[in-house]
């Protein structure tokens, strides 16, 4: 493990190298396999944790019992992707191949608690684990990850996505799920899919690399409407889930989620 002047944490295992920037939302800023960068760089880059919610919240509002809360509308007319990506995290520990990071929930989120992200790098895998706990009152929350995988790793070949979802959350004109589950439709997508046996999506860069995104979580958002990158986002609930499918974090029941990315060179 090493750090630079910006306090980014650098991990290495075999031919895999990972950089995490705790001050910038605990974003994974780079993942290189045998020297090849997998994550987009630039304005929309790397892979960031989505917490304490994933995707959009309708009009930025959610309820907890009789209380209505308003989050900043950062993607009008909705609030999107949580507050963790806009927060400076602290490095709790780090060694050559793993690191743990934390931040305390604070305004504009109306409840107190702690978020932890554990990053574990192997020669052919990366495991990310996130936990959300409360310091007091129970509250609804979600957690997940938003990686920007490069479409092209330099060979001129477009990445191929393969997955078998049980359903697709029907998307309304407002980009929120309507509440109906439909048969999966062909892409392009900015859509949430249900995988009750766990997320299992394979990205293949023909002739270069195969990477599998897996999680025990039941939801994944696939976004492939941009030229340079595609997103495969395992998450603990669907978009707008704070309102439609709330999962409460309580003093005795924290929210925990993990995802493992494994890769290999195609035969």
C-alpha atoms as a PDB file:
ATOM      1  CA  UNK A   1       0.000   0.000   0.000  1.00  0.00           C
ATOM      2  CA  UNK A   2       1.132   3.534  -0.723  1.00  0.00           C
ATOM      3  CA  UNK A   3      -0.364   7.015  -0.590  1.00  0.00           C
ATOM      4  CA  UNK A   4       0.445  10.132  -2.568  1.00  0.00           C
ATOM      5  CA  UNK A   5       0.253  13.840  -1.728  1.00  0.00           C
ATOM      6  CA  UNK A   6      -3.519  13.807  -2.277  1.00  0.00           C
ATOM      7  CA  UNK A   7      -3.915  10.963   0.249  1.00  0.00           C
ATOM      8  CA  UNK A   8      -5.118   8.566  -2.427  1.00  0.00           C
ATOM      9  CA  UNK A   9      -4.599   4.940  -1.434  1.00  0.00           C
ATOM     10  CA  UNK A  10      -2.853   2.620  -3.879  1.00  0.00           C
ATOM     11  CA  UNK A  11      -3.272  -1.161  -3.647  1.00  0.00           C
ATOM     12  CA  UNK A  12      -1.506  -3.854  -5.672  1.00  0.00           C
ATOM     13  CA  UNK A  13      -1.988  -7.611  -6.005  1.00  0.00           C
ATOM     14  CA  UNK A  14      -0.183  -9.453  -8.772  1.00  0.00           C
ATOM     15  CA  UNK A  15      -0.874  -7.641 -12.033  1.00  0.00           C
ATOM     16  CA  UNK A  16      -3.837  -5.708 -10.577  1.00  0.00           C
ATOM     17  CA  UNK A  17      -3.513  -2.121  -9.338  1.00  0.00           C
ATOM     18  CA  UNK A  18      -6.248  -0.077  -7.673  1.00  0.00           C
ATOM     19  CA  UNK A  19      -6.396   3.548  -6.539  1.00  0.00           C
ATOM     20  CA  UNK A  20      -8.991   4.887  -4.080  1.00  0.00           C
ATOM     21  CA  UNK A  21      -9.539   8.565  -3.303  1.00  0.00           C
ATOM     22  CA  UNK A  22     -11.179   8.827   0.146  1.00  0.00           C
ATOM     23  CA  UNK A  23     -11.378  12.631  -0.036  1.00  0.00           C
ATOM     24  CA  UNK A  24     -13.445  12.436  -3.221  1.00  0.00           C
ATOM     25  CA  UNK A  25     -16.352  10.293  -2.072  1.00  0.00           C
ATOM     26  CA  UNK A  26     -14.184   7.196  -1.580  1.00  0.00           C
ATOM     27  CA  UNK A  27     -14.214   6.781  -5.346  1.00  0.00           C
ATOM     28  CA  UNK A  28     -12.137   4.106  -7.056  1.00  0.00           C
ATOM     29  CA  UNK A  29     -10.227   6.359  -9.426  1.00  0.00           C
ATOM     30  CA  UNK A  30      -8.341   3.652 -11.311  1.00  0.00           C
ATOM     31  CA  UNK A  31      -8.349  -0.118 -11.795  1.00  0.00           C
ATOM     32  CA  UNK A  32      -5.538  -1.387 -13.988  1.00  0.00           C
ATOM     33  CA  UNK A  33      -5.069  -5.002 -15.044  1.00  0.00           C
ATOM     34  CA  UNK A  34      -1.644  -5.739 -16.519  1.00  0.00           C
ATOM     35  CA  UNK A  35      -1.280  -2.016 -17.131  1.00  0.00           C
ATOM     36  CA  UNK A  36      -4.636  -1.599 -18.900  1.00  0.00           C
ATOM     37  CA  UNK A  37      -7.102   0.860 -17.378  1.00  0.00           C
ATOM     38  CA  UNK A  38     -10.652  -0.508 -17.003  1.00  0.00           C
ATOM     39  CA  UNK A  39     -12.380   2.584 -15.597  1.00  0.00           C
ATOM     40  CA  UNK A  40     -13.171   5.738 -17.528  1.00  0.00           C
ATOM     41  CA  UNK A  41     -11.165   8.834 -16.654  1.00  0.00           C
ATOM     42  CA  UNK A  42     -12.214  12.468 -17.008  1.00  0.00           C
ATOM     43  CA  UNK A  43     -15.376  14.194 -15.781  1.00  0.00           C
ATOM     44  CA  UNK A  44     -17.451  11.052 -15.123  1.00  0.00           C
ATOM     45  CA  UNK A  45     -14.894   8.544 -13.998  1.00  0.00           C
ATOM     46  CA  UNK A  46     -13.883   5.642 -11.809  1.00  0.00           C
ATOM     47  CA  UNK A  47     -16.414   3.890  -9.579  1.00  0.00           C
ATOM     48  CA  UNK A  48     -18.166   5.545  -6.667  1.00  0.00           C
ATOM     49  CA  UNK A  49     -20.281   4.258  -3.777  1.00  0.00           C
ATOM     50  CA  UNK A  50     -23.949   5.192  -3.871  1.00  0.00           C
ATOM     51  CA  UNK A  51     -25.114   5.732  -0.289  1.00  0.00           C
ATOM     52  CA  UNK A  52     -27.405   6.296   1.622  1.00  0.00           C
ATOM     53  CA  UNK A  53     -29.536   5.797  -1.488  1.00  0.00           C
ATOM     54  CA  UNK A  54     -29.062   4.556  -5.053  1.00  0.00           C
ATOM     55  CA  UNK A  55     -30.315   6.115  -8.258  1.00  0.00           C
ATOM     56  CA  UNK A  56     -33.112   8.647  -8.140  1.00  0.00           C
ATOM     57  CA  UNK A  57     -35.447   9.705  -5.335  1.00  0.00           C
ATOM     58  CA  UNK A  58     -38.683  11.159  -6.699  1.00  0.00           C
ATOM     59  CA  UNK A  59     -38.506  14.954  -6.403  1.00  0.00           C
ATOM     60  CA  UNK A  60     -35.771  14.407  -3.804  1.00  0.00           C
ATOM     61  CA  UNK A  61     -38.320  13.486  -1.135  1.00  0.00           C
ATOM     62  CA  UNK A  62     -38.768  10.430   1.059  1.00  0.00           C
ATOM     63  CA  UNK A  63     -40.717   9.530   4.179  1.00  0.00           C
ATOM     64  CA  UNK A  64     -39.705   7.783   7.367  1.00  0.00           C
ATOM     65  CA  UNK A  65     -42.935   7.084   9.190  1.00  0.00           C
ATOM     66  CA  UNK A  66     -44.758  10.386   9.470  1.00  0.00           C
ATOM     67  CA  UNK A  67     -41.702  12.503   8.649  1.00  0.00           C
ATOM     68  CA  UNK A  68     -41.066  13.796   5.125  1.00  0.00           C
ATOM     69  CA  UNK A  69     -37.506  14.720   4.191  1.00  0.00           C
ATOM     70  CA  UNK A  70     -36.185  16.772   1.294  1.00  0.00           C
ATOM     71  CA  UNK A  71     -32.823  15.967  -0.269  1.00  0.00           C
ATOM     72  CA  UNK A  72     -30.995  18.395  -2.577  1.00  0.00           C
ATOM     73  CA  UNK A  73     -32.320  18.102  -6.135  1.00  0.00           C
ATOM     74  CA  UNK A  74     -29.003  17.503  -7.901  1.00  0.00           C
ATOM     75  CA  UNK A  75     -30.479  15.904 -11.039  1.00  0.00           C
ATOM     76  CA  UNK A  76     -33.713  17.882 -11.621  1.00  0.00           C
ATOM     77  CA  UNK A  77     -36.417  17.101 -10.827  1.00  0.00           C
ATOM     78  CA  UNK A  78     -34.930  14.343  -8.646  1.00  0.00           C
ATOM     79  CA  UNK A  79     -32.109  13.682  -6.194  1.00  0.00           C
ATOM     80  CA  UNK A  80     -29.655  11.071  -7.432  1.00  0.00           C
ATOM     81  CA  UNK A  81     -26.961   8.661  -6.179  1.00  0.00           C
ATOM     82  CA  UNK A  82     -26.767   9.622  -2.503  1.00  0.00           C
ATOM     83  CA  UNK A  83     -24.506  11.992  -0.604  1.00  0.00           C
ATOM     84  CA  UNK A  84     -21.525   9.701   0.023  1.00  0.00           C
ATOM     85  CA  UNK A  85     -19.902  10.509  -3.316  1.00  0.00           C
ATOM     86  CA  UNK A  86     -19.769  14.209  -2.335  1.00  0.00           C
ATOM     87  CA  UNK A  87     -18.219  13.552   1.076  1.00  0.00           C
ATOM     88  CA  UNK A  88     -14.653  13.247   2.329  1.00  0.00           C
ATOM     89  CA  UNK A  89     -14.125   9.815   3.906  1.00  0.00           C
ATOM     90  CA  UNK A  90     -11.448   8.805   6.398  1.00  0.00           C
ATOM     91  CA  UNK A  91      -8.984   5.965   5.910  1.00  0.00           C
ATOM     92  CA  UNK A  92      -9.440   3.628   8.866  1.00  0.00           C
ATOM     93  CA  UNK A  93      -6.713   1.211   7.854  1.00  0.00           C
ATOM     94  CA  UNK A  94      -4.773   0.124   4.783  1.00  0.00           C
ATOM     95  CA  UNK A  95      -2.190  -2.461   3.793  1.00  0.00           C
ATOM     96  CA  UNK A  96      -0.796  -3.641   0.451  1.00  0.00           C
ATOM     97  CA  UNK A  97      -4.009  -5.273  -0.794  1.00  0.00           C
ATOM     98  CA  UNK A  98      -6.884  -3.949   1.312  1.00  0.00           C
ATOM     99  CA  UNK A  99      -8.199  -0.802   2.943  1.00  0.00           C
ATOM    100  CA  UNK A 100     -11.178   0.331   5.003  1.00  0.00           C
ATOM    101  CA  UNK A 101     -12.802   3.756   4.884  1.00  0.00           C
ATOM    102  CA  UNK A 102     -15.538   5.459   6.911  1.00  0.00           C
ATOM    103  CA  UNK A 103     -17.614   8.595   7.084  1.00  0.00           C
ATOM    104  CA  UNK A 104     -20.282   9.805   9.457  1.00  0.00           C
ATOM    105  CA  UNK A 105     -23.673  10.611   7.959  1.00  0.00           C
ATOM    106  CA  UNK A 106     -24.401  14.329   8.184  1.00  0.00           C
ATOM    107  CA  UNK A 107     -26.562  17.042   6.645  1.00  0.00           C
ATOM    108  CA  UNK A 108     -28.322  17.081   4.275  1.00  0.00           C
ATOM    109  CA  UNK A 109     -29.040  13.496   5.368  1.00  0.00           C
ATOM    110  CA  UNK A 110     -31.337  13.873   8.384  1.00  0.00           C
ATOM    111  CA  UNK A 111     -30.114  10.901  10.449  1.00  0.00           C
ATOM    112  CA  UNK A 112     -26.859  10.119  12.240  1.00  0.00           C
ATOM    113  CA  UNK A 113     -24.880   7.005  11.527  1.00  0.00           C
ATOM    114  CA  UNK A 114     -21.737   5.650   9.944  1.00  0.00           C
ATOM    115  CA  UNK A 115     -20.900   4.272   6.513  1.00  0.00           C
ATOM    116  CA  UNK A 116     -17.977   1.879   6.052  1.00  0.00           C
ATOM    117  CA  UNK A 117     -16.433   0.702   2.790  1.00  0.00           C
ATOM    118  CA  UNK A 118     -13.967  -2.192   2.703  1.00  0.00           C
ATOM    119  CA  UNK A 119     -11.855  -2.676  -0.418  1.00  0.00           C
ATOM    120  CA  UNK A 120     -10.033  -5.995  -0.959  1.00  0.00           C
ATOM    121  CA  UNK A 121      -7.876  -6.512  -4.047  1.00  0.00           C
ATOM    122  CA  UNK A 122      -6.631  -9.886  -5.296  1.00  0.00           C
ATOM    123  CA  UNK A 123      -4.627 -10.821  -8.399  1.00  0.00           C
ATOM    124  CA  UNK A 124      -7.834 -11.676 -10.254  1.00  0.00           C
ATOM    125  CA  UNK A 125     -10.603 -10.143  -8.140  1.00  0.00           C
ATOM    126  CA  UNK A 126     -11.841  -7.065  -6.331  1.00  0.00           C
ATOM    127  CA  UNK A 127     -14.338  -7.267  -3.468  1.00  0.00           C
ATOM    128  CA  UNK A 128     -16.145  -4.168  -2.230  1.00  0.00           C
ATOM    129  CA  UNK A 129     -18.217  -4.273   0.951  1.00  0.00           C
ATOM    130  CA  UNK A 130     -20.306  -1.454   2.341  1.00  0.00           C
ATOM    131  CA  UNK A 131     -22.155  -1.129   5.629  1.00  0.00           C
ATOM    132  CA  UNK A 132     -24.588   1.492   6.926  1.00  0.00           C
ATOM    133  CA  UNK A 133     -25.315   1.699  10.659  1.00  0.00           C
ATOM    134  CA  UNK A 134     -27.316   4.135  12.759  1.00  0.00           C
ATOM    135  CA  UNK A 135     -26.225   6.015  15.854  1.00  0.00           C
ATOM    136  CA  UNK A 136     -29.813   6.560  16.917  1.00  0.00           C
ATOM    137  CA  UNK A 137     -33.149   6.438  15.096  1.00  0.00           C
ATOM    138  CA  UNK A 138     -33.960   3.883  12.452  1.00  0.00           C
ATOM    139  CA  UNK A 139     -34.053   5.148   8.868  1.00  0.00           C
ATOM    140  CA  UNK A 140     -34.488   3.784   5.331  1.00  0.00           C
ATOM    141  CA  UNK A 141     -31.298   3.478   3.304  1.00  0.00           C
ATOM    142  CA  UNK A 142     -29.724   1.893   0.261  1.00  0.00           C
ATOM    143  CA  UNK A 143     -26.165   1.230  -0.838  1.00  0.00           C
ATOM    144  CA  UNK A 144     -24.474   0.194  -4.065  1.00  0.00           C
ATOM    145  CA  UNK A 145     -21.755   1.069  -6.581  1.00  0.00           C
ATOM    146  CA  UNK A 146     -21.639   3.021  -9.813  1.00  0.00           C
ATOM    147  CA  UNK A 147     -18.638   1.989 -11.927  1.00  0.00           C
ATOM    148  CA  UNK A 148     -17.831   3.594 -15.285  1.00  0.00           C
ATOM    149  CA  UNK A 149     -16.295   0.725 -17.272  1.00  0.00           C
ATOM    150  CA  UNK A 150     -14.560   1.712 -20.491  1.00  0.00           C
ATOM    151  CA  UNK A 151     -16.302   0.498 -23.644  1.00  0.00           C
ATOM    152  CA  UNK A 152     -12.996   0.059 -25.444  1.00  0.00           C
ATOM    153  CA  UNK A 153      -9.773  -1.020 -23.753  1.00  0.00           C
ATOM    154  CA  UNK A 154      -7.692   0.181 -26.677  1.00  0.00           C
ATOM    155  CA  UNK A 155      -8.266  -2.519 -29.277  1.00  0.00           C
ATOM    156  CA  UNK A 156     -11.172  -0.795 -31.000  1.00  0.00           C
ATOM    157  CA  UNK A 157     -13.567  -3.537 -29.865  1.00  0.00           C
ATOM    158  CA  UNK A 158     -16.742  -2.600 -27.993  1.00  0.00           C
ATOM    159  CA  UNK A 159     -17.470  -4.311 -24.678  1.00  0.00           C
ATOM    160  CA  UNK A 160     -20.220  -6.945 -24.695  1.00  0.00           C
ATOM    161  CA  UNK A 161     -22.699  -7.272 -21.814  1.00  0.00           C
ATOM    162  CA  UNK A 162     -24.297 -10.577 -20.852  1.00  0.00           C
ATOM    163  CA  UNK A 163     -26.838 -11.158 -18.078  1.00  0.00           C
ATOM    164  CA  UNK A 164     -30.046 -13.062 -17.410  1.00  0.00           C
ATOM    165  CA  UNK A 165     -32.486 -11.023 -15.356  1.00  0.00           C
ATOM    166  CA  UNK A 166     -35.800 -12.345 -14.071  1.00  0.00           C
ATOM    167  CA  UNK A 167     -37.478  -8.993 -14.604  1.00  0.00           C
ATOM    168  CA  UNK A 168     -36.974  -5.385 -15.591  1.00  0.00           C
ATOM    169  CA  UNK A 169     -38.407  -2.540 -13.541  1.00  0.00           C
ATOM    170  CA  UNK A 170     -40.646  -0.707 -15.996  1.00  0.00           C
ATOM    171  CA  UNK A 171     -39.320   2.837 -16.371  1.00  0.00           C
ATOM    172  CA  UNK A 172     -41.689   5.777 -16.639  1.00  0.00           C
ATOM    173  CA  UNK A 173     -41.148   9.006 -18.537  1.00  0.00           C
ATOM    174  CA  UNK A 174     -39.778  10.485 -15.306  1.00  0.00           C
ATOM    175  CA  UNK A 175     -37.016   7.816 -15.282  1.00  0.00           C
ATOM    176  CA  UNK A 176     -38.476   6.238 -12.144  1.00  0.00           C
ATOM    177  CA  UNK A 177     -39.812   2.676 -11.877  1.00  0.00           C
ATOM    178  CA  UNK A 178     -43.577   2.572 -12.322  1.00  0.00           C
ATOM    179  CA  UNK A 179     -43.955  -0.353  -9.919  1.00  0.00           C
ATOM    180  CA  UNK A 180     -44.582  -2.860 -12.724  1.00  0.00           C
ATOM    181  CA  UNK A 181     -42.156  -5.683 -13.397  1.00  0.00           C
ATOM    182  CA  UNK A 182     -41.856  -6.552 -17.082  1.00  0.00           C
ATOM    183  CA  UNK A 183     -39.888  -8.996 -19.203  1.00  0.00           C
ATOM    184  CA  UNK A 184     -36.384  -7.667 -19.889  1.00  0.00           C
ATOM    185  CA  UNK A 185     -36.171  -5.581 -23.048  1.00  0.00           C
ATOM    186  CA  UNK A 186     -33.170  -5.200 -25.367  1.00  0.00           C
ATOM    187  CA  UNK A 187     -30.910  -2.194 -24.851  1.00  0.00           C
ATOM    188  CA  UNK A 188     -29.753   0.472 -24.867  1.00  0.00           C
ATOM    189  CA  UNK A 189     -30.567   0.717 -21.173  1.00  0.00           C
ATOM    190  CA  UNK A 190     -30.822   3.103 -18.301  1.00  0.00           C
ATOM    191  CA  UNK A 191     -32.807   0.515 -16.399  1.00  0.00           C
ATOM    192  CA  UNK A 192     -33.011  -1.538 -13.233  1.00  0.00           C
ATOM    193  CA  UNK A 193     -33.202  -5.325 -13.413  1.00  0.00           C
ATOM    194  CA  UNK A 194     -34.181  -7.876 -10.789  1.00  0.00           C
ATOM    195  CA  UNK A 195     -31.983 -10.895 -10.083  1.00  0.00           C
ATOM    196  CA  UNK A 196     -33.424 -12.658  -7.022  1.00  0.00           C
ATOM    197  CA  UNK A 197     -30.594 -15.219  -7.029  1.00  0.00           C
ATOM    198  CA  UNK A 198     -28.001 -12.456  -6.977  1.00  0.00           C
ATOM    199  CA  UNK A 199     -26.481 -10.049  -9.466  1.00  0.00           C
ATOM    200  CA  UNK A 200     -24.471 -11.795 -12.199  1.00  0.00           C
ATOM    201  CA  UNK A 201     -23.339  -9.688 -15.161  1.00  0.00           C
ATOM    202  CA  UNK A 202     -20.411 -10.426 -17.477  1.00  0.00           C
ATOM    203  CA  UNK A 203     -18.522  -7.784 -19.436  1.00  0.00           C
ATOM    204  CA  UNK A 204     -16.361  -9.096 -22.267  1.00  0.00           C
ATOM    205  CA  UNK A 205     -13.830  -7.074 -24.212  1.00  0.00           C
ATOM    206  CA  UNK A 206     -13.303  -9.517 -27.117  1.00  0.00           C
ATOM    207  CA  UNK A 207      -9.843 -11.008 -27.133  1.00  0.00           C
ATOM    208  CA  UNK A 208      -8.714  -8.980 -24.131  1.00  0.00           C
ATOM    209  CA  UNK A 209     -10.566  -9.513 -20.887  1.00  0.00           C
ATOM    210  CA  UNK A 210     -13.681 -10.991 -19.312  1.00  0.00           C
ATOM    211  CA  UNK A 211     -14.953  -9.422 -16.081  1.00  0.00           C
ATOM    212  CA  UNK A 212     -17.857 -10.663 -13.978  1.00  0.00           C
ATOM    213  CA  UNK A 213     -19.773  -8.405 -11.582  1.00  0.00           C
ATOM    214  CA  UNK A 214     -21.466 -10.507  -8.883  1.00  0.00           C
ATOM    215  CA  UNK A 215     -23.361  -9.669  -5.710  1.00  0.00           C
ATOM    216  CA  UNK A 216     -25.889 -11.237  -3.378  1.00  0.00           C
ATOM    217  CA  UNK A 217     -27.932  -8.078  -3.914  1.00  0.00           C
ATOM    218  CA  UNK A 218     -31.053  -8.562  -6.018  1.00  0.00           C
ATOM    219  CA  UNK A 219     -30.962  -5.399  -8.131  1.00  0.00           C
ATOM    220  CA  UNK A 220     -28.633  -4.046 -10.787  1.00  0.00           C
ATOM    221  CA  UNK A 221     -28.878  -0.946 -12.938  1.00  0.00           C
ATOM    222  CA  UNK A 222     -27.410  -1.186 -16.435  1.00  0.00           C
ATOM    223  CA  UNK A 223     -26.552   2.085 -18.169  1.00  0.00           C
ATOM    224  CA  UNK A 224     -25.030   1.931 -21.648  1.00  0.00           C
ATOM    225  CA  UNK A 225     -26.279   5.065 -23.379  1.00  0.00           C
ATOM    226  CA  UNK A 226     -22.901   6.843 -23.547  1.00  0.00           C
ATOM    227  CA  UNK A 227     -20.147   6.398 -26.134  1.00  0.00           C
ATOM    228  CA  UNK A 228     -17.172   5.942 -23.837  1.00  0.00           C
ATOM    229  CA  UNK A 229     -18.406   3.827 -20.941  1.00  0.00           C
ATOM    230  CA  UNK A 230     -20.998   1.420 -19.589  1.00  0.00           C
ATOM    231  CA  UNK A 231     -22.214   1.100 -16.012  1.00  0.00           C
ATOM    232  CA  UNK A 232     -23.128  -2.088 -14.142  1.00  0.00           C
ATOM    233  CA  UNK A 233     -24.446  -1.005 -10.748  1.00  0.00           C
ATOM    234  CA  UNK A 234     -25.259  -3.621  -8.082  1.00  0.00           C
ATOM    235  CA  UNK A 235     -27.451  -2.082  -5.404  1.00  0.00           C
ATOM    236  CA  UNK A 236     -29.526  -3.050  -2.396  1.00  0.00           C
ATOM    237  CA  UNK A 237     -32.827  -1.809  -3.829  1.00  0.00           C
ATOM    238  CA  UNK A 238     -34.406  -0.279  -6.918  1.00  0.00           C
ATOM    239  CA  UNK A 239     -34.355   3.412  -7.836  1.00  0.00           C
ATOM    240  CA  UNK A 240     -36.751   5.412  -5.654  1.00  0.00           C
ATOM    241  CA  UNK A 241     -36.671   2.468  -3.266  1.00  0.00           C
ATOM    242  CA  UNK A 242     -36.583   4.719  -0.191  1.00  0.00           C
ATOM    243  CA  UNK A 243     -40.220   5.398  -1.073  1.00  0.00           C
ATOM    244  CA  UNK A 244     -41.373   2.189  -2.757  1.00  0.00           C
ATOM    245  CA  UNK A 245     -39.397  -0.542  -0.991  1.00  0.00           C
ATOM    246  CA  UNK A 246     -37.805   0.940   2.140  1.00  0.00           C
ATOM    247  CA  UNK A 247     -35.202  -1.141   3.952  1.00  0.00           C
ATOM    248  CA  UNK A 248     -34.784   0.169   7.490  1.00  0.00           C
ATOM    249  CA  UNK A 249     -31.390   0.475   9.143  1.00  0.00           C
ATOM    250  CA  UNK A 250     -31.955  -0.116  12.861  1.00  0.00           C
ATOM    251  CA  UNK A 251     -29.630  -0.200  15.883  1.00  0.00           C
ATOM    252  CA  UNK A 252     -29.597  -4.008  15.726  1.00  0.00           C
ATOM    253  CA  UNK A 253     -29.844  -4.476  11.948  1.00  0.00           C
ATOM    254  CA  UNK A 254     -27.328  -2.497   9.847  1.00  0.00           C
ATOM    255  CA  UNK A 255     -27.459  -2.551   6.060  1.00  0.00           C
ATOM    256  CA  UNK A 256     -24.664  -4.572   4.461  1.00  0.00           C
ATOM    257  CA  UNK A 257     -23.918  -5.204   0.793  1.00  0.00           C
ATOM    258  CA  UNK A 258     -20.946  -6.502  -1.148  1.00  0.00           C
ATOM    259  CA  UNK A 259     -19.913  -7.045  -4.739  1.00  0.00           C
ATOM    260  CA  UNK A 260     -17.049  -9.045  -6.219  1.00  0.00           C
ATOM    261  CA  UNK A 261     -15.541  -8.398  -9.614  1.00  0.00           C
ATOM    262  CA  UNK A 262     -13.489 -11.238 -11.067  1.00  0.00           C
ATOM    263  CA  UNK A 263     -11.565 -11.180 -14.308  1.00  0.00           C
ATOM    264  CA  UNK A 264      -9.712 -13.493 -16.633  1.00  0.00           C
ATOM    265  CA  UNK A 265      -8.118 -13.458 -20.024  1.00  0.00           C
ATOM    266  CA  UNK A 266     -10.318 -15.287 -22.551  1.00  0.00           C
ATOM    267  CA  UNK A 267      -8.898 -18.567 -23.842  1.00  0.00           C
END
